[in-house]
PDB file of N, CA and C in Angstrom:
ATOM      1  N   SER A   1       0.912  -0.985   0.492  1.00  0.00           N
ATOM      2  CA  SER A   1      -0.240  -0.087   0.087  1.00  0.00           C
ATOM      3  C   SER A   1       0.824   1.703   0.186  1.00  0.00           C
ATOM      4  N   LEU A   2       0.024   2.352  -0.538  1.00  0.00           N
ATOM      5  CA  LEU A   2       1.463   3.811  -0.429  1.00  0.00           C
ATOM      6  C   LEU A   2       1.822   4.133   1.151  1.00  0.00           C
ATOM      7  N   LEU A   3       0.579   3.955   2.232  1.00  0.00           N
ATOM      8  CA  LEU A   3       0.845   3.819   3.600  1.00  0.00           C
ATOM      9  C   LEU A   3       2.355   3.422   3.955  1.00  0.00           C
ATOM     10  N   SER A   4       2.517   1.779   3.579  1.00  0.00           N
ATOM     11  CA  SER A   4       3.436   0.909   3.587  1.00  0.00           C
ATOM     12  C   SER A   4       5.036   1.557   3.037  1.00  0.00           C
ATOM     13  N   LEU A   5       4.770   2.070   1.653  1.00  0.00           N
ATOM     14  CA  LEU A   5       6.243   2.655   0.774  1.00  0.00           C
ATOM     15  C   LEU A   5       6.499   4.052   1.296  1.00  0.00           C
ATOM     16  N   LEU A   6       5.833   4.564   2.074  1.00  0.00           N
ATOM     17  CA  LEU A   6       5.784   6.215   2.215  1.00  0.00           C
ATOM     18  C   LEU A   6       6.790   6.031   4.047  1.00  0.00           C
ATOM     19  N   THR A   7       6.231   4.669   4.570  1.00  0.00           N
ATOM     20  CA  THR A   7       7.106   4.810   6.401  1.00  0.00           C
ATOM     21  C   THR A   7       8.455   3.943   5.387  1.00  0.00           C
ATOM     22  N   TYR A   8       8.236   3.228   4.720  1.00  0.00           N
ATOM     23  CA  TYR A   8       9.500   3.006   4.156  1.00  0.00           C
ATOM     24  C   TYR A   8      10.879   3.827   3.918  1.00  0.00           C
ATOM     25  N   GLN A   9       9.976   4.739   3.536  1.00  0.00           N
ATOM     26  CA  GLN A   9      10.891   5.303   2.963  1.00  0.00           C
ATOM     27  C   GLN A   9      11.755   6.769   3.321  1.00  0.00           C
ATOM     28  N   ARG A  10      10.589   6.680   5.008  1.00  0.00           N
ATOM     29  CA  ARG A  10      11.142   7.611   5.696  1.00  0.00           C
ATOM     30  C   ARG A  10      12.006   7.036   6.885  1.00  0.00           C
ATOM     31  N   ASN A  11      11.991   5.829   6.837  1.00  0.00           N
ATOM     32  CA  ASN A  11      12.594   4.887   7.786  1.00  0.00           C
ATOM     33  C   ASN A  11      14.444   5.169   7.238  1.00  0.00           C
ATOM     34  N   MET A  12      13.891   4.786   5.754  1.00  0.00           N
ATOM     35  CA  MET A  12      15.647   5.055   5.175  1.00  0.00           C
ATOM     36  C   MET A  12      16.339   6.398   5.891  1.00  0.00           C
ATOM     37  N   ILE A  13      15.632   7.254   5.584  1.00  0.00           N
ATOM     38  CA  ILE A  13      15.372   8.565   5.717  1.00  0.00           C
ATOM     39  C   ILE A  13      15.911   9.106   7.296  1.00  0.00           C
ATOM     40  N   TRP A  14      15.252   8.174   7.694  1.00  0.00           N
ATOM     41  CA  TRP A  14      15.835   8.305   9.540  1.00  0.00           C
ATOM     42  C   TRP A  14      17.031   7.309   9.944  1.00  0.00           C
ATOM     43  N   GLN A  15      17.863   6.413   8.911  1.00  0.00           N
ATOM     44  CA  GLN A  15      18.664   5.039   8.795  1.00  0.00           C
ATOM     45  C   GLN A  15      19.830   6.008   9.510  1.00  0.00           C
ATOM     46  N   SER A  16      20.545   6.854   9.465  1.00  0.00           N
ATOM     47  CA  SER A  16      21.908   7.798  10.250  1.00  0.00           C
ATOM     48  C   SER A  16      21.341   8.838   9.765  1.00  0.00           C
ATOM     49  N   ARG A  17      22.178   9.496  10.617  1.00  0.00           N
ATOM     50  CA  ARG A  17      22.537  11.251  10.850  1.00  0.00           C
ATOM     51  C   ARG A  17      22.280  12.174   9.709  1.00  0.00           C
ATOM     52  N   ILE A  18      23.296  11.375   9.181  1.00  0.00           N
ATOM     53  CA  ILE A  18      23.351  12.252   7.870  1.00  0.00           C
ATOM     54  C   ILE A  18      22.805  11.868   7.006  1.00  0.00           C
ATOM     55  N   SER A  19      21.762  11.067   6.242  1.00  0.00           N
ATOM     56  CA  SER A  19      21.028  10.611   5.609  1.00  0.00           C
ATOM     57  C   SER A  19      19.102  11.711   6.284  1.00  0.00           C
ATOM     58  N   LEU A  20      19.465  12.047   7.573  1.00  0.00           N
ATOM     59  CA  LEU A  20      18.279  12.364   8.499  1.00  0.00           C
ATOM     60  C   LEU A  20      18.378  13.950   7.735  1.00  0.00           C
ATOM     61  N   TRP A  21      19.824  15.003   8.094  1.00  0.00           N
ATOM     62  CA  TRP A  21      19.937  16.042   7.836  1.00  0.00           C
ATOM     63  C   TRP A  21      20.212  16.035   6.642  1.00  0.00           C
ATOM     64  N   LYS A  22      21.042  15.140   5.893  1.00  0.00           N
ATOM     65  CA  LYS A  22      20.678  16.018   4.029  1.00  0.00           C
ATOM     66  C   LYS A  22      19.054  16.338   3.603  1.00  0.00           C
ATOM     67  N   ASP A  23      18.378  15.022   4.542  1.00  0.00           N
ATOM     68  CA  ASP A  23      17.147  15.392   4.395  1.00  0.00           C
ATOM     69  C   ASP A  23      16.738  16.687   4.262  1.00  0.00           C
ATOM     70  N   ALA A  24      17.095  17.059   5.385  1.00  0.00           N
ATOM     71  CA  ALA A  24      16.359  18.255   6.433  1.00  0.00           C
ATOM     72  C   ALA A  24      16.838  19.475   5.049  1.00  0.00           C
ATOM     73  N   VAL A  25      18.746  19.521   5.031  1.00  0.00           N
ATOM     74  CA  VAL A  25      19.078  20.446   4.104  1.00  0.00           C
ATOM     75  C   VAL A  25      18.405  20.213   2.606  1.00  0.00           C
ATOM     76  N   LYS A  26      17.784  19.623   2.079  1.00  0.00           N
ATOM     77  CA  LYS A  26      17.187  19.946   0.633  1.00  0.00           C
ATOM     78  C   LYS A  26      16.070  20.020   0.938  1.00  0.00           C
ATOM     79  N   LYS A  27      14.827  20.272   2.093  1.00  0.00           N
ATOM     80  CA  LYS A  27      13.837  20.528   2.407  1.00  0.00           C
ATOM     81  C   LYS A  27      14.023  22.184   2.568  1.00  0.00           C
ATOM     82  N   SER A  28      14.960  21.896   3.487  1.00  0.00           N
ATOM     83  CA  SER A  28      14.734  23.996   3.926  1.00  0.00           C
ATOM     84  C   SER A  28      16.348  24.329   3.940  1.00  0.00           C
ATOM     85  N   PRO A  29      17.138  24.160   2.743  1.00  0.00           N
ATOM     86  CA  PRO A  29      18.261  24.562   2.486  1.00  0.00           C
ATOM     87  C   PRO A  29      18.638  26.219   3.239  1.00  0.00           C
ATOM     88  N   GLN A  30      17.437  27.243   3.132  1.00  0.00           N
ATOM     89  CA  GLN A  30      18.028  28.553   3.780  1.00  0.00           C
ATOM     90  C   GLN A  30      18.108  28.405   5.236  1.00  0.00           C
ATOM     91  N   LEU A  31      17.427  27.061   5.709  1.00  0.00           N
ATOM     92  CA  LEU A  31      17.690  27.050   7.570  1.00  0.00           C
ATOM     93  C   LEU A  31      19.302  26.614   8.022  1.00  0.00           C
ATOM     94  N   LEU A  32      19.453  27.898   8.963  1.00  0.00           N
ATOM     95  CA  LEU A  32      20.963  27.169   9.392  1.00  0.00           C
ATOM     96  C   LEU A  32      21.445  25.785  10.219  1.00  0.00           C
ATOM     97  N   ARG A  33      19.936  25.709  11.063  1.00  0.00           N
ATOM     98  CA  ARG A  33      20.314  24.631  12.244  1.00  0.00           C
ATOM     99  C   ARG A  33      21.003  23.189  10.978  1.00  0.00           C
ATOM    100  N   PRO A  34      19.569  22.624   9.671  1.00  0.00           N
ATOM    101  CA  PRO A  34      20.191  21.477   9.407  1.00  0.00           C
ATOM    102  C   PRO A  34      21.416  21.543   8.256  1.00  0.00           C
ATOM    103  N   HIS A  35      22.005  22.713   8.393  1.00  0.00           N
ATOM    104  CA  HIS A  35      23.293  22.737   7.561  1.00  0.00           C
ATOM    105  C   HIS A  35      24.950  22.325   8.478  1.00  0.00           C
ATOM    106  N   VAL A  36      24.394  23.189   9.748  1.00  0.00           N
ATOM    107  CA  VAL A  36      24.943  22.936  11.430  1.00  0.00           C
ATOM    108  C   VAL A  36      24.884  21.187  11.904  1.00  0.00           C
ATOM    109  N   LYS A  37      23.695  20.680  11.373  1.00  0.00           N
ATOM    110  CA  LYS A  37      23.903  19.307  12.070  1.00  0.00           C
ATOM    111  C   LYS A  37      24.361  18.552  10.704  1.00  0.00           C
ATOM    112  N   LEU A  38      23.808  19.220   9.595  1.00  0.00           N
ATOM    113  CA  LEU A  38      25.027  18.033   8.561  1.00  0.00           C
ATOM    114  C   LEU A  38      26.124  17.844   8.438  1.00  0.00           C
ATOM    115  N   GLY A  39      26.337  19.147   9.273  1.00  0.00           N
ATOM    116  CA  GLY A  39      27.899  19.248   9.456  1.00  0.00           C
ATOM    117  C   GLY A  39      28.631  18.651  10.690  1.00  0.00           C
ATOM    118  N   VAL A  40      28.252  18.902  11.321  1.00  0.00           N
ATOM    119  CA  VAL A  40      28.516  17.734  12.535  1.00  0.00           C
ATOM    120  C   VAL A  40      28.079  16.430  12.148  1.00  0.00           C
ATOM    121  N   ALA A  41      27.710  16.134  11.886  1.00  0.00           N
ATOM    122  CA  ALA A  41      27.214  14.451  11.421  1.00  0.00           C
ATOM    123  C   ALA A  41      28.528  14.366  10.155  1.00  0.00           C
ATOM    124  N   TYR A  42      28.685  15.073   9.387  1.00  0.00           N
ATOM    125  CA  TYR A  42      29.903  14.682   8.736  1.00  0.00           C
ATOM    126  C   TYR A  42      31.735  15.081   9.281  1.00  0.00           C
ATOM    127  N   LEU A  43      31.166  15.381  10.261  1.00  0.00           N
ATOM    128  CA  LEU A  43      32.882  15.724  11.250  1.00  0.00           C
ATOM    129  C   LEU A  43      32.689  14.645  11.968  1.00  0.00           C
ATOM    130  N   ASP A  44      31.668  14.224  12.611  1.00  0.00           N
ATOM    131  CA  ASP A  44      31.995  12.098  12.814  1.00  0.00           C
ATOM    132  C   ASP A  44      31.921  11.308  12.505  1.00  0.00           C
ATOM    133  N   ALA A  45      31.760  11.583  11.574  1.00  0.00           N
ATOM    134  CA  ALA A  45      31.698  10.659  10.315  1.00  0.00           C
ATOM    135  C   ALA A  45      33.213  11.004   9.298  1.00  0.00           C
ATOM    136  N   LYS A  46      33.727  11.965  10.167  1.00  0.00           N
ATOM    137  CA  LYS A  46      35.435  11.623   9.808  1.00  0.00           C
ATOM    138  C   LYS A  46      34.991  12.622   8.259  1.00  0.00           C
ATOM    139  N   MET A  47      34.328  12.817   7.504  1.00  0.00           N
ATOM    140  CA  MET A  47      33.904  12.959   6.130  1.00  0.00           C
ATOM    141  C   MET A  47      34.045  15.067   6.379  1.00  0.00           C
ATOM    142  N   PHE A  48      35.845  15.115   6.182  1.00  0.00           N
ATOM    143  CA  PHE A  48      36.417  16.537   6.331  1.00  0.00           C
ATOM    144  C   PHE A  48      36.082  17.670   5.290  1.00  0.00           C
ATOM    145  N   ASP A  49      35.853  17.131   3.932  1.00  0.00           N
ATOM    146  CA  ASP A  49      35.315  18.150   3.133  1.00  0.00           C
ATOM    147  C   ASP A  49      34.014  18.528   3.065  1.00  0.00           C
ATOM    148  N   GLU A  50      33.330  17.042   3.461  1.00  0.00           N
ATOM    149  CA  GLU A  50      31.670  17.584   3.408  1.00  0.00           C
ATOM    150  C   GLU A  50      31.440  18.235   4.891  1.00  0.00           C
ATOM    151  N   ALA A  51      31.672  18.370   6.353  1.00  0.00           N
ATOM    152  CA  ALA A  51      31.469  18.857   7.384  1.00  0.00           C
ATOM    153  C   ALA A  51      31.908  20.721   6.932  1.00  0.00           C
ATOM    154  N   LEU A  52      33.256  20.886   6.175  1.00  0.00           N
ATOM    155  CA  LEU A  52      33.233  22.173   5.337  1.00  0.00           C
ATOM    156  C   LEU A  52      32.051  22.629   4.970  1.00  0.00           C
ATOM    157  N   HIS A  53      31.941  21.849   4.162  1.00  0.00           N
ATOM    158  CA  HIS A  53      30.829  22.668   2.579  1.00  0.00           C
ATOM    159  C   HIS A  53      30.191  22.324   3.568  1.00  0.00           C
ATOM    160  N   GLU A  54      29.511  21.962   4.742  1.00  0.00           N
ATOM    161  CA  GLU A  54      28.046  22.253   5.772  1.00  0.00           C
ATOM    162  C   GLU A  54      27.968  23.194   6.180  1.00  0.00           C
ATOM    163  N   PHE A  55      29.544  23.819   6.282  1.00  0.00           N
ATOM    164  CA  PHE A  55      29.392  25.194   7.996  1.00  0.00           C
ATOM    165  C   PHE A  55      29.620  26.360   6.974  1.00  0.00           C
ATOM    166  N   ASP A  56      30.658  26.472   5.893  1.00  0.00           N
ATOM    167  CA  ASP A  56      30.301  27.339   4.756  1.00  0.00           C
ATOM    168  C   ASP A  56      29.161  27.580   4.472  1.00  0.00           C
ATOM    169  N   GLU A  57      27.990  26.592   4.209  1.00  0.00           N
ATOM    170  CA  GLU A  57      26.280  26.668   3.923  1.00  0.00           C
ATOM    171  C   GLU A  57      26.497  27.462   4.764  1.00  0.00           C
ATOM    172  N   ALA A  58      26.064  27.133   6.213  1.00  0.00           N
ATOM    173  CA  ALA A  58      25.270  27.910   7.190  1.00  0.00           C
ATOM    174  C   ALA A  58      26.467  29.423   7.198  1.00  0.00           C
ATOM    175  N   LEU A  59      27.411  29.700   7.149  1.00  0.00           N
ATOM    176  CA  LEU A  59      28.111  30.624   7.614  1.00  0.00           C
ATOM    177  C   LEU A  59      27.036  32.173   6.029  1.00  0.00           C
ATOM    178  N   LYS A  60      26.726  31.048   5.020  1.00  0.00           N
ATOM    179  CA  LYS A  60      26.594  32.284   4.360  1.00  0.00           C
ATOM    180  C   LYS A  60      25.068  32.302   4.429  1.00  0.00           C
ATOM    181  N   ILE A  61      24.300  32.114   5.661  1.00  0.00           N
ATOM    182  CA  ILE A  61      23.008  32.909   5.996  1.00  0.00           C
ATOM    183  C   ILE A  61      23.513  33.077   7.536  1.00  0.00           C
ATOM    184  N   ASN A  62      24.234  32.677   8.024  1.00  0.00           N
ATOM    185  CA  ASN A  62      25.201  33.949   9.048  1.00  0.00           C
ATOM    186  C   ASN A  62      25.718  33.947   9.244  1.00  0.00           C
ATOM    187  N   PRO A  63      27.482  34.655   9.342  1.00  0.00           N
ATOM    188  CA  PRO A  63      28.003  34.609   8.854  1.00  0.00           C
ATOM    189  C   PRO A  63      28.905  34.952   9.867  1.00  0.00           C
ATOM    190  N   TYR A  64      28.570  35.407  11.320  1.00  0.00           N
ATOM    191  CA  TYR A  64      28.757  35.189  12.837  1.00  0.00           C
ATOM    192  C   TYR A  64      28.254  34.300  13.735  1.00  0.00           C
ATOM    193  N   HIS A  65      28.005  33.173  13.440  1.00  0.00           N
ATOM    194  CA  HIS A  65      27.260  32.104  14.109  1.00  0.00           C
ATOM    195  C   HIS A  65      28.289  31.372  14.721  1.00  0.00           C
ATOM    196  N   GLN A  66      28.978  31.635  15.620  1.00  0.00           N
ATOM    197  CA  GLN A  66      29.795  31.306  17.153  1.00  0.00           C
ATOM    198  C   GLN A  66      30.370  29.838  16.716  1.00  0.00           C
ATOM    199  N   LYS A  67      28.909  28.883  16.899  1.00  0.00           N
ATOM    200  CA  LYS A  67      29.506  27.869  17.037  1.00  0.00           C
ATOM    201  C   LYS A  67      29.561  27.232  15.365  1.00  0.00           C
ATOM    202  N   VAL A  68      29.010  28.081  14.555  1.00  0.00           N
ATOM    203  CA  VAL A  68      29.903  26.911  13.430  1.00  0.00           C
ATOM    204  C   VAL A  68      31.271  27.506  13.122  1.00  0.00           C
ATOM    205  N   LEU A  69      31.119  28.638  13.522  1.00  0.00           N
ATOM    206  CA  LEU A  69      33.144  28.894  13.572  1.00  0.00           C
ATOM    207  C   LEU A  69      34.090  28.163  14.264  1.00  0.00           C
ATOM    208  N   ILE A  70      33.374  28.223  15.176  1.00  0.00           N
ATOM    209  CA  ILE A  70      34.133  26.559  16.069  1.00  0.00           C
ATOM    210  C   ILE A  70      34.247  25.718  15.243  1.00  0.00           C
ATOM    211  N   ASN A  71      33.464  25.393  14.906  1.00  0.00           N
ATOM    212  CA  ASN A  71      32.811  23.476  14.558  1.00  0.00           C
ATOM    213  C   ASN A  71      34.119  23.808  13.282  1.00  0.00           C
ATOM    214  N   LYS A  72      34.117  24.713  12.574  1.00  0.00           N
ATOM    215  CA  LYS A  72      34.554  24.655  10.985  1.00  0.00           C
ATOM    216  C   LYS A  72      35.929  24.409  11.898  1.00  0.00           C
ATOM    217  N   GLN A  73      36.238  25.366  12.461  1.00  0.00           N
ATOM    218  CA  GLN A  73      38.097  25.349  13.179  1.00  0.00           C
ATOM    219  C   GLN A  73      38.424  24.352  13.299  1.00  0.00           C
ATOM    220  N   ILE A  74      37.247  23.181  14.003  1.00  0.00           N
ATOM    221  CA  ILE A  74      38.128  22.052  15.250  1.00  0.00           C
ATOM    222  C   ILE A  74      37.599  21.045  13.602  1.00  0.00           C
ATOM    223  N   THR A  75      37.003  21.185  12.572  1.00  0.00           N
ATOM    224  CA  THR A  75      37.102  20.081  11.537  1.00  0.00           C
ATOM    225  C   THR A  75      38.556  21.014  10.559  1.00  0.00           C
ATOM    226  N   ARG A  76      38.990  21.716  10.354  1.00  0.00           N
ATOM    227  CA  ARG A  76      39.516  22.114   9.995  1.00  0.00           C
ATOM    228  C   ARG A  76      41.151  21.753  10.878  1.00  0.00           C
ATOM    229  N   ARG A  77      41.114  21.134  11.645  1.00  0.00           N
ATOM    230  CA  ARG A  77      42.199  20.369  12.683  1.00  0.00           C
ATOM    231  C   ARG A  77      42.291  19.051  12.754  1.00  0.00           C
ATOM    232  N   ALA A  78      40.962  18.720  12.560  1.00  0.00           N
ATOM    233  CA  ALA A  78      41.120  17.621  12.618  1.00  0.00           C
ATOM    234  C   ALA A  78      41.395  16.588  10.899  1.00  0.00           C
ATOM    235  N   LYS A  79      40.868  17.446   9.926  1.00  0.00           N
ATOM    236  CA  LYS A  79      41.518  16.960   8.559  1.00  0.00           C
ATOM    237  C   LYS A  79      42.662  17.198   8.544  1.00  0.00           C
ATOM    238  N   ALA A  80      43.724  18.138   9.302  1.00  0.00           N
ATOM    239  CA  ALA A  80      45.176  18.599   9.403  1.00  0.00           C
ATOM    240  C   ALA A  80      45.663  16.937  10.221  1.00  0.00           C
ATOM    241  N   LYS A  81      45.288  16.884  11.353  1.00  0.00           N
ATOM    242  CA  LYS A  81      45.306  16.021  11.898  1.00  0.00           C
ATOM    243  C   LYS A  81      45.543  14.481  10.983  1.00  0.00           C
ATOM    244  N   ALA A  82      44.404  14.203  10.359  1.00  0.00           N
ATOM    245  CA  ALA A  82      44.408  13.044   9.348  1.00  0.00           C
ATOM    246  C   ALA A  82      45.840  12.976   8.000  1.00  0.00           C
ATOM    247  N   HIS A  83      45.883  14.171   8.268  1.00  0.00           N
ATOM    248  CA  HIS A  83      47.020  14.507   6.883  1.00  0.00           C
ATOM    249  C   HIS A  83      48.325  13.982   7.772  1.00  0.00           C
ATOM    250  N   ILE A  84      48.411  15.033   8.784  1.00  0.00           N
ATOM    251  CA  ILE A  84      49.660  14.471   9.466  1.00  0.00           C
ATOM    252  C   ILE A  84      49.817  12.838  10.199  1.00  0.00           C
ATOM    253  N   ILE A  85      49.114  11.869  10.495  1.00  0.00           N
ATOM    254  CA  ILE A  85      49.062  10.754  10.663  1.00  0.00           C
ATOM    255  C   ILE A  85      49.637  10.291   8.991  1.00  0.00           C
ATOM    256  N   ARG A  86      48.781  10.124   8.041  1.00  0.00           N
ATOM    257  CA  ARG A  86      48.734  10.234   7.143  1.00  0.00           C
ATOM    258  C   ARG A  86      50.585   9.845   6.415  1.00  0.00           C
ATOM    259  N   SER A  87      51.031  10.694   6.801  1.00  0.00           N
ATOM    260  CA  SER A  87      52.359  11.384   6.484  1.00  0.00           C
ATOM    261  C   SER A  87      53.343  10.820   7.104  1.00  0.00           C
ATOM    262  N   LEU A  88      53.088  10.602   8.315  1.00  0.00           N
ATOM    263  CA  LEU A  88      53.338   9.591   9.069  1.00  0.00           C
ATOM    264  C   LEU A  88      53.874   8.114   8.967  1.00  0.00           C
ATOM    265  N   GLN A  89      52.972   7.873   8.659  1.00  0.00           N
ATOM    266  CA  GLN A  89      52.456   6.557   8.265  1.00  0.00           C
ATOM    267  C   GLN A  89      53.561   6.168   6.291  1.00  0.00           C
ATOM    268  N   TYR A  90      53.047   7.696   5.628  1.00  0.00           N
ATOM    269  CA  TYR A  90      54.166   7.299   4.473  1.00  0.00           C
ATOM    270  C   TYR A  90      55.274   7.280   4.776  1.00  0.00           C
ATOM    271  N   LYS A  91      55.780   8.114   5.660  1.00  0.00           N
ATOM    272  CA  LYS A  91      56.979   7.727   6.180  1.00  0.00           C
ATOM    273  C   LYS A  91      58.078   6.598   6.451  1.00  0.00           C
ATOM    274  N   LYS A  92      56.982   6.078   7.230  1.00  0.00           N
ATOM    275  CA  LYS A  92      57.652   5.114   8.355  1.00  0.00           C
ATOM    276  C   LYS A  92      57.128   3.868   7.167  1.00  0.00           C
ATOM    277  N   GLU A  93      56.768   3.889   5.918  1.00  0.00           N
ATOM    278  CA  GLU A  93      56.121   2.945   4.862  1.00  0.00           C
ATOM    279  C   GLU A  93      57.687   3.192   3.365  1.00  0.00           C
ATOM    280  N   GLY A  94      58.393   4.447   3.952  1.00  0.00           N
ATOM    281  CA  GLY A  94      59.215   4.789   2.996  1.00  0.00           C
ATOM    282  C   GLY A  94      59.071   5.387   1.850  1.00  0.00           C
ATOM    283  N   LYS A  95      57.374   6.196   2.028  1.00  0.00           N
ATOM    284  CA  LYS A  95      57.027   6.816   0.515  1.00  0.00           C
ATOM    285  C   LYS A  95      56.979   8.053   0.742  1.00  0.00           C
ATOM    286  N   PHE A  96      58.226   8.390   0.471  1.00  0.00           N
ATOM    287  CA  PHE A  96      58.430   9.784   0.957  1.00  0.00           C
ATOM    288  C   PHE A  96      57.986  11.052  -0.044  1.00  0.00           C
ATOM    289  N   PRO A  97      58.032  10.580  -1.074  1.00  0.00           N
ATOM    290  CA  PRO A  97      56.577  12.154  -1.798  1.00  0.00           C
ATOM    291  C   PRO A  97      55.848  12.070  -1.218  1.00  0.00           C
ATOM    292  N   GLU A  98      54.911  10.836  -1.025  1.00  0.00           N
ATOM    293  CA  GLU A  98      53.730  10.923  -0.323  1.00  0.00           C
ATOM    294  C   GLU A  98      53.020  12.216   0.725  1.00  0.00           C
ATOM    295  N   ALA A  99      54.546  11.305   1.492  1.00  0.00           N
ATOM    296  CA  ALA A  99      54.723  11.841   3.266  1.00  0.00           C
ATOM    297  C   ALA A  99      54.553  13.257   2.721  1.00  0.00           C
ATOM    298  N   PHE A 100      55.515  13.536   2.009  1.00  0.00           N
ATOM    299  CA  PHE A 100      55.919  15.444   1.999  1.00  0.00           C
ATOM    300  C   PHE A 100      54.374  15.612   1.260  1.00  0.00           C
ATOM    301  N   GLU A 101      53.690  15.601   0.973  1.00  0.00           N
ATOM    302  CA  GLU A 101      52.373  16.288   0.194  1.00  0.00           C
ATOM    303  C   GLU A 101      52.007  16.291   1.213  1.00  0.00           C
ATOM    304  N   GLU A 102      51.219  14.762   1.732  1.00  0.00           N
ATOM    305  CA  GLU A 102      50.216  15.045   3.323  1.00  0.00           C
ATOM    306  C   GLU A 102      50.838  16.107   4.057  1.00  0.00           C
ATOM    307  N   MET A 103      52.153  15.812   4.317  1.00  0.00           N
ATOM    308  CA  MET A 103      52.777  16.863   4.970  1.00  0.00           C
ATOM    309  C   MET A 103      51.916  18.485   4.807  1.00  0.00           C
ATOM    310  N   LEU A 104      52.487  19.187   3.218  1.00  0.00           N
ATOM    311  CA  LEU A 104      52.372  20.539   2.902  1.00  0.00           C
ATOM    312  C   LEU A 104      50.512  20.733   2.764  1.00  0.00           C
ATOM    313  N   LYS A 105      49.120  19.317   2.972  1.00  0.00           N
ATOM    314  CA  LYS A 105      48.720  19.429   3.053  1.00  0.00           C
ATOM    315  C   LYS A 105      47.724  20.424   4.622  1.00  0.00           C
ATOM    316  N   ALA A 106      48.709  19.302   6.035  1.00  0.00           N
ATOM    317  CA  ALA A 106      48.450  20.083   6.408  1.00  0.00           C
ATOM    318  C   ALA A 106      48.842  21.922   6.755  1.00  0.00           C
ATOM    319  N   ARG A 107      50.006  21.510   6.211  1.00  0.00           N
ATOM    320  CA  ARG A 107      50.183  23.060   6.178  1.00  0.00           C
ATOM    321  C   ARG A 107      49.241  24.194   5.975  1.00  0.00           C
ATOM    322  N   ARG A 108      48.935  23.767   5.010  1.00  0.00           N
ATOM    323  CA  ARG A 108      47.834  25.140   4.125  1.00  0.00           C
ATOM    324  C   ARG A 108      46.584  24.610   5.255  1.00  0.00           C
ATOM    325  N   LEU A 109      46.144  24.074   5.667  1.00  0.00           N
ATOM    326  CA  LEU A 109      44.973  24.046   6.687  1.00  0.00           C
ATOM    327  C   LEU A 109      45.472  24.864   8.121  1.00  0.00           C
ATOM    328  N   GLY A 110      46.947  25.225   8.006  1.00  0.00           N
ATOM    329  CA  GLY A 110      47.210  26.403   8.809  1.00  0.00           C
ATOM    330  C   GLY A 110      48.041  25.936  10.023  1.00  0.00           C
ATOM    331  N   ILE A 111      48.247  24.394  10.579  1.00  0.00           N
ATOM    332  CA  ILE A 111      49.366  23.718  11.250  1.00  0.00           C
ATOM    333  C   ILE A 111      50.554  24.237  10.911  1.00  0.00           C
ATOM    334  N   ASN A 112      51.350  24.496  12.410  1.00  0.00           N
ATOM    335  CA  ASN A 112      52.577  24.839  11.453  1.00  0.00           C
ATOM    336  C   ASN A 112      53.652  23.993  11.841  1.00  0.00           C
ATOM    337  N   VAL A 113      54.280  23.250  10.684  1.00  0.00           N
ATOM    338  CA  VAL A 113      54.850  21.731  10.178  1.00  0.00           C
ATOM    339  C   VAL A 113      56.364  22.500  10.186  1.00  0.00           C
ATOM    340  N   PRO A 114      57.106  21.688  11.235  1.00  0.00           N
ATOM    341  CA  PRO A 114      58.213  21.562  11.509  1.00  0.00           C
ATOM    342  C   PRO A 114      59.021  21.954  10.231  1.00  0.00           C
ATOM    343  N   PRO A 115      59.827  22.812   9.712  1.00  0.00           N
ATOM    344  CA  PRO A 115      60.997  22.827   8.744  1.00  0.00           C
ATOM    345  C   PRO A 115      61.099  21.974   8.734  1.00  0.00           C
ATOM    346  N   SER A 116      61.979  21.136  10.076  1.00  0.00           N
ATOM    347  CA  SER A 116      63.377  20.262   9.581  1.00  0.00           C
ATOM    348  C   SER A 116      62.406  18.628   8.839  1.00  0.00           C
ATOM    349  N   TYR A 117      61.492  18.680   9.203  1.00  0.00           N
ATOM    350  CA  TYR A 117      60.718  17.631   8.959  1.00  0.00           C
ATOM    351  C   TYR A 117      60.296  17.735   7.894  1.00  0.00           C
ATOM    352  N   LEU A 118      59.917  18.787   7.504  1.00  0.00           N
ATOM    353  CA  LEU A 118      60.020  18.994   5.312  1.00  0.00           C
ATOM    354  C   LEU A 118      61.487  18.640   5.176  1.00  0.00           C
ATOM    355  N   ASN A 119      62.327  19.311   5.520  1.00  0.00           N
ATOM    356  CA  ASN A 119      63.862  19.232   5.193  1.00  0.00           C
ATOM    357  C   ASN A 119      64.185  17.981   5.021  1.00  0.00           C
ATOM    358  N   GLU A 120      64.008  17.363   6.367  1.00  0.00           N
ATOM    359  CA  GLU A 120      64.313  16.032   6.134  1.00  0.00           C
ATOM    360  C   GLU A 120      63.583  15.091   5.277  1.00  0.00           C
ATOM    361  N   LEU A 121      62.469  15.524   4.528  1.00  0.00           N
ATOM    362  CA  LEU A 121      61.592  14.423   4.030  1.00  0.00           C
ATOM    363  C   LEU A 121      61.560  14.631   2.414  1.00  0.00           C
ATOM    364  N   GLN A 122      62.494  16.208   1.939  1.00  0.00           N
ATOM    365  CA  GLN A 122      62.859  16.501   0.731  1.00  0.00           C
ATOM    366  C   GLN A 122      64.055  16.245   0.457  1.00  0.00           C
ATOM    367  N   GLU A 123      65.246  15.417   1.346  1.00  0.00           N
ATOM    368  CA  GLU A 123      65.794  15.290   1.077  1.00  0.00           C
ATOM    369  C   GLU A 123      66.306  13.846   0.823  1.00  0.00           C
ATOM    370  N   ARG A 124      65.157  13.108   1.435  1.00  0.00           N
ATOM    371  CA  ARG A 124      65.126  11.844   1.204  1.00  0.00           C
ATOM    372  C   ARG A 124      64.382  11.421  -0.498  1.00  0.00           C
ATOM    373  N   ILE A 125      63.632  13.057  -0.388  1.00  0.00           N
ATOM    374  CA  ILE A 125      62.884  12.392  -1.996  1.00  0.00           C
ATOM    375  C   ILE A 125      64.169  12.450  -2.704  1.00  0.00           C
ATOM    376  N   SER A 126      65.134  13.493  -2.543  1.00  0.00           N
ATOM    377  CA  SER A 126      65.849  13.974  -3.415  1.00  0.00           C
ATOM    378  C   SER A 126      67.091  13.072  -3.315  1.00  0.00           C
ATOM    379  N   HIS A 127      67.879  12.737  -2.802  1.00  0.00           N
ATOM    380  CA  HIS A 127      68.630  11.176  -2.086  1.00  0.00           C
ATOM    381  C   HIS A 127      67.813  10.320  -1.699  1.00  0.00           C
ATOM    382  N   PRO A 128      67.636   9.160  -2.350  1.00  0.00           N
ATOM    383  CA  PRO A 128      67.148   7.865  -1.820  1.00  0.00           C
ATOM    384  C   PRO A 128      67.937   6.932  -1.008  1.00  0.00           C
TER     385      PRO A 128
END
């Protein structure tokens, strides 16, 4: 029956926080709260680019919203930390160009990367 189909479709939306808030953003893109909640859900899932996008959308609605600004900074730091971890893993595996690139990504996100670490990677890339 139609009611069963509609119930099934709603259950699919409520399956995860991401699907729930994606649906809310789709239905009410002009509202701040769905963007913020979706951004936080993405952050919790370590989907940093998606989280940053939602926080940017929220800031278009209210550019001075403190919680959104803080969440955006937390997301940028978490994303940078993921790059640092990957860099260290690549270095351990002897993949120096990849390690260097990951550390540059962290640096672009505002993390102060010690020049000595980058110099060491560059040296290992130049003289394998």
